[in-house]
C-alpha atoms as a PDB file:
ATOM      1  CA  MET A   1     251.699 -31.643 114.741  1.00  0.00           C
ATOM      2  CA  PRO A   2     248.501 -31.158 112.714  1.00  0.00           C
ATOM      3  CA  PRO A   3     246.241 -28.221 113.568  1.00  0.00           C
ATOM      4  CA  HIS A   4     243.439 -28.725 116.056  1.00  0.00           C
ATOM      5  CA  LEU A   5     240.219 -28.246 114.069  1.00  0.00           C
ATOM      6  CA  VAL A   6     236.904 -27.719 115.807  1.00  0.00           C
ATOM      7  CA  GLN A   7     233.543 -27.723 114.078  1.00  0.00           C
ATOM      8  CA  GLY A   8     230.745 -25.649 115.537  1.00  0.00           C
ATOM      9  CA  ASP A   9     229.114 -22.290 115.975  1.00  0.00           C
ATOM     10  CA  LEU A  10     231.845 -19.690 116.467  1.00  0.00           C
ATOM     11  CA  ASN A  11     229.908 -17.751 119.086  1.00  0.00           C
ATOM     12  CA  ALA A  12     229.183 -20.902 121.063  1.00  0.00           C
ATOM     13  CA  THR A  13     232.735 -22.262 120.971  1.00  0.00           C
ATOM     14  CA  ILE A  14     235.263 -19.403 120.870  1.00  0.00           C
ATOM     15  CA  ALA A  15     235.454 -18.641 124.605  1.00  0.00           C
ATOM     16  CA  GLY A  16     235.849 -22.316 125.502  1.00  0.00           C
ATOM     17  CA  LEU A  17     238.591 -22.775 122.935  1.00  0.00           C
ATOM     18  CA  VAL A  18     240.445 -19.714 124.164  1.00  0.00           C
ATOM     19  CA  GLY A  19     240.183 -21.136 127.673  1.00  0.00           C
ATOM     20  CA  GLN A  20     242.067 -24.245 126.532  1.00  0.00           C
ATOM     21  CA  ALA A  21     245.178 -22.288 125.527  1.00  0.00           C
ATOM     22  CA  PRO A  22     248.227 -22.475 127.799  1.00  0.00           C
ATOM     23  CA  PRO A  23     248.228 -19.524 130.213  1.00  0.00           C
ATOM     24  CA  ASP A  24     251.610 -18.260 128.983  1.00  0.00           C
ATOM     25  CA  ALA A  25     250.680 -18.429 125.283  1.00  0.00           C
ATOM     26  CA  THR A  26     250.139 -15.410 123.068  1.00  0.00           C
ATOM     27  CA  LEU A  27     246.766 -16.403 121.732  1.00  0.00           C
ATOM     28  CA  VAL A  28     245.692 -15.144 118.309  1.00  0.00           C
ATOM     29  CA  VAL A  29     242.193 -15.470 116.843  1.00  0.00           C
ATOM     30  CA  PHE A  30     242.201 -14.975 113.057  1.00  0.00           C
ATOM     31  CA  HIS A  31     239.291 -15.014 110.624  1.00  0.00           C
ATOM     32  CA  SER A  32     238.820 -14.014 107.023  1.00  0.00           C
ATOM     33  CA  ALA A  33     235.525 -13.603 105.155  1.00  0.00           C
ATOM     34  CA  VAL A  34     233.540 -15.339 107.900  1.00  0.00           C
ATOM     35  CA  LEU A  35     231.444 -12.747 109.688  1.00  0.00           C
ATOM     36  CA  ALA A  36     229.576 -11.637 106.564  1.00  0.00           C
ATOM     37  CA  TYR A  37     227.724 -14.944 106.733  1.00  0.00           C
ATOM     38  CA  LEU A  38     226.308 -14.139 110.173  1.00  0.00           C
ATOM     39  CA  PRO A  39     223.314 -11.935 110.937  1.00  0.00           C
ATOM     40  CA  GLN A  40     224.290  -8.557 112.383  1.00  0.00           C
ATOM     41  CA  GLU A  41     223.300  -9.491 115.937  1.00  0.00           C
ATOM     42  CA  GLU A  42     225.602 -12.534 115.796  1.00  0.00           C
ATOM     43  CA  ARG A  43     228.441 -10.376 114.458  1.00  0.00           C
ATOM     44  CA  ASP A  44     227.886  -7.939 117.315  1.00  0.00           C
ATOM     45  CA  ARG A  45     227.943 -10.824 119.780  1.00  0.00           C
ATOM     46  CA  PHE A  46     231.255 -12.068 118.350  1.00  0.00           C
ATOM     47  CA  VAL A  47     232.784  -8.579 118.587  1.00  0.00           C
ATOM     48  CA  GLU A  48     231.769  -8.262 122.240  1.00  0.00           C
ATOM     49  CA  THR A  49     233.139 -11.721 122.982  1.00  0.00           C
ATOM     50  CA  MET A  50     236.465 -10.930 121.315  1.00  0.00           C
ATOM     51  CA  ARG A  51     236.784  -7.677 123.264  1.00  0.00           C
ATOM     52  CA  GLY A  52     236.558  -9.644 126.501  1.00  0.00           C
ATOM     53  CA  LEU A  53     238.993 -12.447 125.653  1.00  0.00           C
ATOM     54  CA  PRO A  54     242.713 -12.539 126.497  1.00  0.00           C
ATOM     55  CA  ALA A  55     243.678 -12.808 122.829  1.00  0.00           C
ATOM     56  CA  ARG A  56     244.950 -10.748 119.919  1.00  0.00           C
ATOM     57  CA  TRP A  57     242.244 -10.473 117.289  1.00  0.00           C
ATOM     58  CA  ILE A  58     243.126 -10.410 113.591  1.00  0.00           C
ATOM     59  CA  SER A  59     240.171  -9.884 111.270  1.00  0.00           C
ATOM     60  CA  ASN A  60     240.100  -9.715 107.488  1.00  0.00           C
ATOM     61  CA  GLU A  61     236.619  -8.767 106.354  1.00  0.00           C
ATOM     62  CA  ALA A  62     234.854  -6.527 103.856  1.00  0.00           C
ATOM     63  CA  PRO A  63     234.728  -2.894 105.064  1.00  0.00           C
ATOM     64  CA  THR A  64     231.005  -2.982 105.885  1.00  0.00           C
ATOM     65  CA  VAL A  65     231.153  -6.167 107.993  1.00  0.00           C
ATOM     66  CA  LEU A  66     232.782  -4.649 111.088  1.00  0.00           C
ATOM     67  CA  PRO A  67     231.524  -1.058 111.463  1.00  0.00           C
ATOM     68  CA  GLY A  68     233.877  -0.389 114.396  1.00  0.00           C
ATOM     69  CA  VAL A  69     236.860  -1.202 112.203  1.00  0.00           C
ATOM     70  CA  ALA A  70     235.492   0.780 109.250  1.00  0.00           C
ATOM     71  CA  ALA A  71     234.994   3.836 111.488  1.00  0.00           C
ATOM     72  CA  ARG A  72     238.729   3.836 112.244  1.00  0.00           C
ATOM     73  CA  LEU A  73     239.829   3.856 108.591  1.00  0.00           C
ATOM     74  CA  THR A  74     241.883   6.899 107.675  1.00  0.00           C
ATOM     75  CA  ARG A  75     241.042   6.493 103.983  1.00  0.00           C
ATOM     76  CA  SER A  76     238.700   4.491 101.777  1.00  0.00           C
ATOM     77  CA  PRO A  77     239.854   1.502  99.773  1.00  0.00           C
ATOM     78  CA  SER A  78     240.519   1.989  96.072  1.00  0.00           C
ATOM     79  CA  THR A  79     237.316   1.857  94.040  1.00  0.00           C
ATOM     80  CA  ASP A  80     238.977   0.027  91.134  1.00  0.00           C
ATOM     81  CA  ARG A  81     239.122  -3.297  93.008  1.00  0.00           C
ATOM     82  CA  SER A  82     237.381  -5.178  95.764  1.00  0.00           C
ATOM     83  CA  ALA A  83     239.150  -4.859  99.112  1.00  0.00           C
ATOM     84  CA  PHE A  84     238.915  -6.249 102.620  1.00  0.00           C
ATOM     85  CA  VAL A  85     240.200  -4.517 105.748  1.00  0.00           C
ATOM     86  CA  LEU A  86     242.868  -6.332 107.736  1.00  0.00           C
ATOM     87  CA  ALA A  87     242.692  -5.250 111.391  1.00  0.00           C
ATOM     88  CA  LEU A  88     244.504  -6.061 114.616  1.00  0.00           C
ATOM     89  CA  ASP A  89     242.315  -5.682 117.698  1.00  0.00           C
ATOM     90  CA  GLU A  90     239.837  -3.596 115.655  1.00  0.00           C
ATOM     91  CA  GLU A  91     242.576  -1.233 114.409  1.00  0.00           C
ATOM     92  CA  PRO A  92     242.849  -1.246 110.581  1.00  0.00           C
ATOM     93  CA  VAL A  93     246.365  -2.043 109.351  1.00  0.00           C
ATOM     94  CA  ALA A  94     245.932  -2.799 105.631  1.00  0.00           C
ATOM     95  CA  PHE A  95     243.630  -3.290 102.691  1.00  0.00           C
ATOM     96  CA  THR A  96     243.777  -6.802 101.256  1.00  0.00           C
ATOM     97  CA  GLY A  97     242.502  -8.656  98.248  1.00  0.00           C
ATOM     98  CA  PRO A  98     239.622 -10.952  99.224  1.00  0.00           C
ATOM     99  CA  HIS A  99     241.666 -13.922  98.053  1.00  0.00           C
ATOM    100  CA  GLY A 100     245.128 -12.607  98.867  1.00  0.00           C
ATOM    101  CA  GLN A 101     245.713 -10.829  95.540  1.00  0.00           C
ATOM    102  CA  PHE A 102     247.245  -7.775  97.196  1.00  0.00           C
ATOM    103  CA  LEU A 103     248.220  -6.219 100.516  1.00  0.00           C
ATOM    104  CA  ASP A 104     248.294  -2.418 100.874  1.00  0.00           C
ATOM    105  CA  TRP A 105     249.567  -1.384 104.315  1.00  0.00           C
ATOM    106  CA  LEU A 106     247.955   1.660 105.888  1.00  0.00           C
ATOM    107  CA  PRO A 107     250.175   4.370 107.365  1.00  0.00           C
ATOM    108  CA  GLU A 108     250.646   4.134 111.140  1.00  0.00           C
END
């Protein structure tokens, strides 16, 4: 079955889409290099929405995009290359290449 694609403003549509998931599903919301294109207040709104949804949240964004994730980093990314922070429910789990060039897992 092809994926269900929805066009629209992420803050206006995410809660409704989550509400369409089967009640017994493990729902996962994933995004990569998206939130940097939103003004800070819209990023903050998305974060608050995600915190209130019955879903696992996987983000892959530049370190400065989600300050709550960056504050939980136990070390800084290497300065010799550009890195994103992969996080599960706002908990950093790895540094990644912006286009998938590398994956460096963080210690638990």
